[in-house]
């Protein structure tokens, strides 16, 4: 990641800024399109396929991930213009975007494939091939998050001169803090060191009867809760920055600092709650 970031700073910018920026944006749009293209058959299958994993439809997980990855790639696409034009048309931003699209596509392809096979995609080491695929998917997910971290650093360190301060700080710190918190919670979730493999901590080890819409356990702790809040710092802080620019521009800097601290506090509190075996609600 460090090489990727410094490589971009040293490279001469593309001569045709418009064409170079269009290539990067097109790349992210294609990635979003792949998620949507897989979501349509997944949604159809959800209504006609009665197979279950953890007592809920095999197609719920693919649909959740497809929606989440559309949001993640869409966030990168929307925030790219905050980067200085010479940097955002350079190789570093393009490679970070390419890494995001490849890893997101690989992850969702495997999750959807396993759902079609009626097999779990996560915590499934039932066969040598599935064990390898699970580990590869984990490495890909880490690279996907790191690509967001790189884009966040570009926004903070190489911003567009006239970028609104609230959105710039919210976008940059949202991606950086969201990425770090996501990696931390993902490691806790995937390592199996807290009450064994799976997202449950205590309670009944089933997804049946979970919190509406989210599916989080209501009988014990659920490590997906802090992971959710960590990931969506990437959207929460940019939205806060956008609001501050519009309604209270002179408070943009302290507002983002307070917002960041609140976000991290929420992740920390829900993580402690989950580890202690208590449901969110």
Protein backbone atom coordinates (compact mmCIF):
# COMPACT_ATOMS: atom_id res chain seq x y z
CA UNK A 1 0.00 0.00 0.00
CA UNK A 2 2.86 2.39 0.87
CA UNK A 3 4.52 1.71 -2.46
CA UNK A 4 1.22 2.31 -4.21
CA UNK A 5 0.74 5.64 -2.49
CA UNK A 6 4.25 7.00 -3.01
CA UNK A 7 4.39 5.65 -6.54
CA UNK A 8 1.51 7.90 -7.48
CA UNK A 9 3.16 10.98 -6.03
CA UNK A 10 6.29 10.39 -8.06
CA UNK A 11 4.58 9.66 -11.34
CA UNK A 12 3.95 12.34 -13.91
CA UNK A 13 0.22 12.99 -14.33
CA UNK A 14 -1.57 11.83 -17.43
CA UNK A 15 -1.58 14.37 -20.22
CA UNK A 16 -5.22 13.84 -20.91
CA UNK A 17 -6.75 14.38 -17.49
CA UNK A 18 -10.31 13.99 -18.67
CA UNK A 19 -9.66 10.64 -20.37
CA UNK A 20 -7.62 9.34 -17.43
CA UNK A 21 -10.30 10.30 -14.93
CA UNK A 22 -12.97 8.74 -17.12
CA UNK A 23 -11.05 5.44 -17.12
CA UNK A 24 -10.93 5.34 -13.32
CA UNK A 25 -14.57 6.30 -12.95
CA UNK A 26 -15.58 3.74 -15.61
CA UNK A 27 -13.68 1.08 -13.71
CA UNK A 28 -15.65 1.75 -10.53
CA UNK A 29 -18.92 1.94 -12.45
CA UNK A 30 -18.23 -1.46 -13.99
CA UNK A 31 -17.56 -2.83 -10.51
CA UNK A 32 -20.86 -1.44 -9.26
CA UNK A 33 -22.60 -2.86 -12.32
CA UNK A 34 -21.26 -6.35 -11.59
CA UNK A 35 -22.70 -6.21 -8.08
CA UNK A 36 -26.08 -5.11 -9.42
CA UNK A 37 -26.00 -7.76 -12.15
CA UNK A 38 -25.49 -10.47 -9.54
CA UNK A 39 -28.08 -8.98 -7.20
CA UNK A 40 -30.93 -9.43 -9.67
CA UNK A 41 -30.71 -13.25 -9.95
CA UNK A 42 -29.95 -13.45 -6.21
CA UNK A 43 -33.15 -11.56 -5.46
CA UNK A 44 -35.13 -13.83 -7.79
CA UNK A 45 -33.60 -16.92 -6.20
CA UNK A 46 -34.47 -15.60 -2.73
CA UNK A 47 -38.17 -15.93 -3.57
CA UNK A 48 -38.04 -19.35 -5.25
CA UNK A 49 -35.23 -21.22 -3.45
CA UNK A 50 -36.17 -22.60 -0.02
CA UNK A 51 -32.75 -23.89 1.00
CA UNK A 52 -31.40 -22.59 4.33
CA UNK A 53 -28.05 -21.84 5.95
CA UNK A 54 -28.06 -21.06 9.68
CA UNK A 55 -31.86 -21.36 9.44
CA UNK A 56 -32.33 -18.48 6.97
CA UNK A 57 -32.38 -18.33 3.17
CA UNK A 58 -29.07 -19.10 1.47
CA UNK A 59 -29.56 -15.94 -0.59
CA UNK A 60 -29.69 -13.39 2.22
CA UNK A 61 -25.91 -13.20 2.60
CA UNK A 62 -25.24 -12.58 -1.13
CA UNK A 63 -27.89 -9.88 -1.19
CA UNK A 64 -26.42 -8.16 1.86
CA UNK A 65 -22.92 -8.21 0.42
CA UNK A 66 -24.07 -7.06 -3.01
CA UNK A 67 -25.81 -4.06 -1.44
CA UNK A 68 -22.84 -3.32 0.81
CA UNK A 69 -20.30 -3.48 -2.01
CA UNK A 70 -22.41 -1.23 -4.25
CA UNK A 71 -22.38 1.30 -1.41
CA UNK A 72 -18.63 0.92 -0.84
CA UNK A 73 -17.62 1.28 -4.50
CA UNK A 74 -20.17 4.06 -4.95
CA UNK A 75 -18.60 5.95 -2.03
CA UNK A 76 -15.18 5.79 -3.69
CA UNK A 77 -16.70 6.96 -6.97
CA UNK A 78 -18.42 9.94 -5.34
CA UNK A 79 -15.39 10.99 -3.28
CA UNK A 80 -12.77 10.76 -6.05
CA UNK A 81 -13.34 14.38 -7.22
CA UNK A 82 -12.07 15.58 -3.82
CA UNK A 83 -8.54 14.57 -4.88
CA UNK A 84 -6.33 17.00 -6.77
CA UNK A 85 -6.78 16.45 -10.51
CA UNK A 86 -3.13 15.60 -11.18
CA UNK A 87 -3.18 12.93 -8.49
CA UNK A 88 -6.57 11.42 -9.21
CA UNK A 89 -5.63 10.92 -12.86
CA UNK A 90 -2.37 9.23 -11.87
CA UNK A 91 -1.53 5.57 -11.64
CA UNK A 92 -1.91 5.30 -7.86
CA UNK A 93 -5.60 6.18 -7.73
CA UNK A 94 -6.26 3.98 -10.75
CA UNK A 95 -4.50 0.99 -9.17
CA UNK A 96 -6.33 1.49 -5.86
CA UNK A 97 -9.64 1.59 -7.75
CA UNK A 98 -8.68 -1.47 -9.80
CA UNK A 99 -7.80 -3.37 -6.63
CA UNK A 100 -11.15 -2.41 -5.11
CA UNK A 101 -13.08 -3.61 -8.15
CA UNK A 102 -11.18 -6.89 -8.54
CA UNK A 103 -11.38 -7.86 -4.86
CA UNK A 104 -15.04 -6.82 -4.53
CA UNK A 105 -15.93 -8.80 -7.65
CA UNK A 106 -13.98 -11.86 -6.51
CA UNK A 107 -15.57 -11.78 -3.07
CA UNK A 108 -19.12 -11.46 -4.32
CA UNK A 109 -18.57 -14.11 -7.00
CA UNK A 110 -17.52 -16.67 -4.38
CA UNK A 111 -20.31 -15.73 -1.95
CA UNK A 112 -22.92 -16.01 -4.71
CA UNK A 113 -21.44 -19.26 -6.01
CA UNK A 114 -21.55 -20.83 -2.56
CA UNK A 115 -25.16 -19.73 -2.12
CA UNK A 116 -26.03 -21.35 -5.45
CA UNK A 117 -24.35 -24.56 -4.18
CA UNK A 118 -26.23 -24.33 -0.89
CA UNK A 119 -22.95 -24.04 0.97
CA UNK A 120 -21.72 -21.45 3.47
CA UNK A 121 -19.14 -19.00 2.17
CA UNK A 122 -17.87 -17.80 5.55
CA UNK A 123 -16.28 -19.96 8.26
CA UNK A 124 -16.58 -22.91 5.90
CA UNK A 125 -13.48 -25.07 5.77
CA UNK A 126 -15.45 -28.24 5.11
CA UNK A 127 -13.31 -29.22 2.13
CA UNK A 128 -9.73 -28.32 1.14
CA UNK A 129 -11.03 -26.20 -1.76
CA UNK A 130 -13.43 -24.29 0.50
CA UNK A 131 -10.72 -23.75 3.11
CA UNK A 132 -8.42 -22.25 0.47
CA UNK A 133 -11.23 -20.15 -1.01
CA UNK A 134 -12.19 -18.81 2.43
CA UNK A 135 -8.62 -17.74 3.15
CA UNK A 136 -8.26 -16.17 -0.31
CA UNK A 137 -11.54 -14.33 0.18
CA UNK A 138 -10.29 -13.02 3.52
CA UNK A 139 -7.10 -11.71 1.93
CA UNK A 140 -9.14 -10.13 -0.86
CA UNK A 141 -11.44 -8.44 1.63
CA UNK A 142 -8.41 -6.96 3.41
CA UNK A 143 -7.08 -5.59 0.10
CA UNK A 144 -10.51 -4.16 -0.68
CA UNK A 145 -10.52 -2.24 2.59
CA UNK A 146 -6.91 -1.12 2.09
CA UNK A 147 -7.84 0.33 -1.29
CA UNK A 148 -10.36 2.56 0.50
CA UNK A 149 -7.67 3.53 2.99
CA UNK A 150 -5.40 4.59 0.11
CA UNK A 151 -8.15 6.72 -1.46
CA UNK A 152 -8.79 8.32 1.95
CA UNK A 153 -5.12 9.22 2.33
CA UNK A 154 -5.10 10.77 -1.12
CA UNK A 155 -8.10 12.93 -0.17
CA UNK A 156 -6.38 14.12 3.01
CA UNK A 157 -2.89 14.63 1.61
CA UNK A 158 -3.54 15.58 -2.02
CA UNK A 159 -6.91 17.38 -1.91
CA UNK A 160 -8.43 19.44 -4.69
CA UNK A 161 -7.65 23.07 -3.78
CA UNK A 162 -11.27 24.19 -3.79
CA UNK A 163 -12.71 21.06 -2.13
CA UNK A 164 -15.22 21.94 0.64
CA UNK A 165 -13.43 21.53 3.95
CA UNK A 166 -16.16 19.54 5.68
CA UNK A 167 -16.60 17.04 2.86
CA UNK A 168 -12.84 16.75 2.34
CA UNK A 169 -12.14 15.99 6.00
CA UNK A 170 -15.24 13.83 6.33
CA UNK A 171 -14.45 11.88 3.17
CA UNK A 172 -10.76 11.44 3.93
CA UNK A 173 -11.08 10.56 7.59
CA UNK A 174 -14.21 8.54 6.93
CA UNK A 175 -12.32 6.25 4.58
CA UNK A 176 -9.20 6.09 6.75
CA UNK A 177 -10.90 5.51 10.11
CA UNK A 178 -13.58 3.32 8.54
CA UNK A 179 -10.92 1.15 6.92
CA UNK A 180 -8.86 0.75 10.09
CA UNK A 181 -11.94 -0.01 12.22
CA UNK A 182 -13.24 -2.42 9.58
CA UNK A 183 -9.96 -4.32 9.49
CA UNK A 184 -9.92 -4.57 13.29
CA UNK A 185 -13.49 -5.83 13.59
CA UNK A 186 -13.09 -8.12 10.56
CA UNK A 187 -10.05 -9.75 12.15
CA UNK A 188 -11.94 -10.24 15.42
CA UNK A 189 -14.87 -11.65 13.48
CA UNK A 190 -12.91 -13.92 11.16
CA UNK A 191 -10.24 -15.20 13.52
CA UNK A 192 -12.60 -17.39 15.52
CA UNK A 193 -10.78 -16.39 18.70
CA UNK A 194 -13.93 -15.04 20.36
CA UNK A 195 -16.27 -17.90 21.27
CA UNK A 196 -15.18 -20.00 18.31
CA UNK A 197 -15.82 -19.68 14.57
CA UNK A 198 -18.87 -17.63 13.60
CA UNK A 199 -20.31 -14.24 14.43
CA UNK A 200 -22.18 -15.35 17.55
CA UNK A 201 -20.93 -14.82 21.10
CA UNK A 202 -23.11 -16.83 23.42
CA UNK A 203 -26.84 -17.06 22.78
CA UNK A 204 -28.45 -19.42 20.29
CA UNK A 205 -26.20 -20.05 17.27
CA UNK A 206 -28.82 -19.40 14.64
CA UNK A 207 -29.71 -16.47 12.35
CA UNK A 208 -33.40 -17.24 12.68
CA UNK A 209 -35.31 -14.52 14.54
CA UNK A 210 -32.53 -11.94 14.24
CA UNK A 211 -33.01 -8.19 14.39
CA UNK A 212 -35.28 -7.15 11.50
CA UNK A 213 -33.47 -6.04 8.34
CA UNK A 214 -30.00 -6.62 9.83
CA UNK A 215 -30.42 -10.17 11.12
CA UNK A 216 -28.24 -9.62 14.19
CA UNK A 217 -28.65 -12.05 17.06
CA UNK A 218 -31.19 -11.10 19.72
CA UNK A 219 -30.21 -13.90 22.11
CA UNK A 220 -26.49 -13.13 22.50
CA UNK A 221 -23.57 -11.06 21.23
CA UNK A 222 -23.07 -10.62 17.49
CA UNK A 223 -19.69 -9.48 16.12
CA UNK A 224 -21.34 -8.29 12.93
CA UNK A 225 -22.73 -5.29 14.84
CA UNK A 226 -19.42 -3.42 15.45
CA UNK A 227 -18.25 -4.53 11.99
CA UNK A 228 -21.31 -2.87 10.44
CA UNK A 229 -20.78 0.40 12.30
CA UNK A 230 -17.05 0.35 11.49
CA UNK A 231 -17.64 -0.12 7.77
CA UNK A 232 -20.23 2.61 7.54
CA UNK A 233 -17.98 5.25 9.07
CA UNK A 234 -16.96 5.53 5.40
CA UNK A 235 -20.38 6.98 4.62
CA UNK A 236 -21.29 8.62 7.96
CA UNK A 237 -18.39 11.08 8.13
CA UNK A 238 -18.68 12.27 4.50
CA UNK A 239 -22.40 12.88 5.04
CA UNK A 240 -21.61 14.77 8.24
CA UNK A 241 -19.03 16.86 6.37
CA UNK A 242 -21.50 17.60 3.59
CA UNK A 243 -24.08 18.76 6.15
CA UNK A 244 -21.55 20.93 7.96
CA UNK A 245 -20.47 22.59 4.70
CA UNK A 246 -24.07 23.40 3.93
CA UNK A 247 -25.38 24.51 7.31
CA UNK A 248 -22.43 25.30 9.62
CA UNK A 249 -19.28 25.71 7.55
CA UNK A 250 -17.25 27.44 10.25
CA UNK A 251 -17.69 24.42 12.51
CA UNK A 252 -16.57 21.92 9.88
CA UNK A 253 -13.24 21.01 11.48
CA UNK A 254 -14.43 20.57 15.09
CA UNK A 255 -17.61 18.94 13.79
CA UNK A 256 -15.66 16.25 11.95
CA UNK A 257 -13.41 15.66 14.97
CA UNK A 258 -16.45 15.18 17.22
CA UNK A 259 -18.17 13.03 14.60
CA UNK A 260 -15.10 10.82 14.24
CA UNK A 261 -14.83 10.34 18.00
CA UNK A 262 -18.53 9.46 18.23
CA UNK A 263 -18.19 6.93 15.40
CA UNK A 264 -15.20 5.24 17.03
CA UNK A 265 -16.98 5.24 20.38
CA UNK A 266 -19.98 3.49 18.82
CA UNK A 267 -17.73 0.84 17.27
CA UNK A 268 -15.87 0.34 20.54
CA UNK A 269 -19.02 0.17 22.65
CA UNK A 270 -20.81 -2.28 20.37
CA UNK A 271 -17.67 -4.41 20.14
CA UNK A 272 -17.41 -4.64 23.94
CA UNK A 273 -21.13 -5.36 24.14
CA UNK A 274 -20.85 -8.16 21.57
CA UNK A 275 -17.76 -9.70 23.17
CA UNK A 276 -19.61 -9.81 26.50
CA UNK A 277 -22.37 -11.79 24.83
CA UNK A 278 -25.09 -9.14 24.86
CA UNK A 279 -27.31 -8.40 21.85
CA UNK A 280 -27.53 -4.85 20.48
CA UNK A 281 -31.28 -4.76 21.19
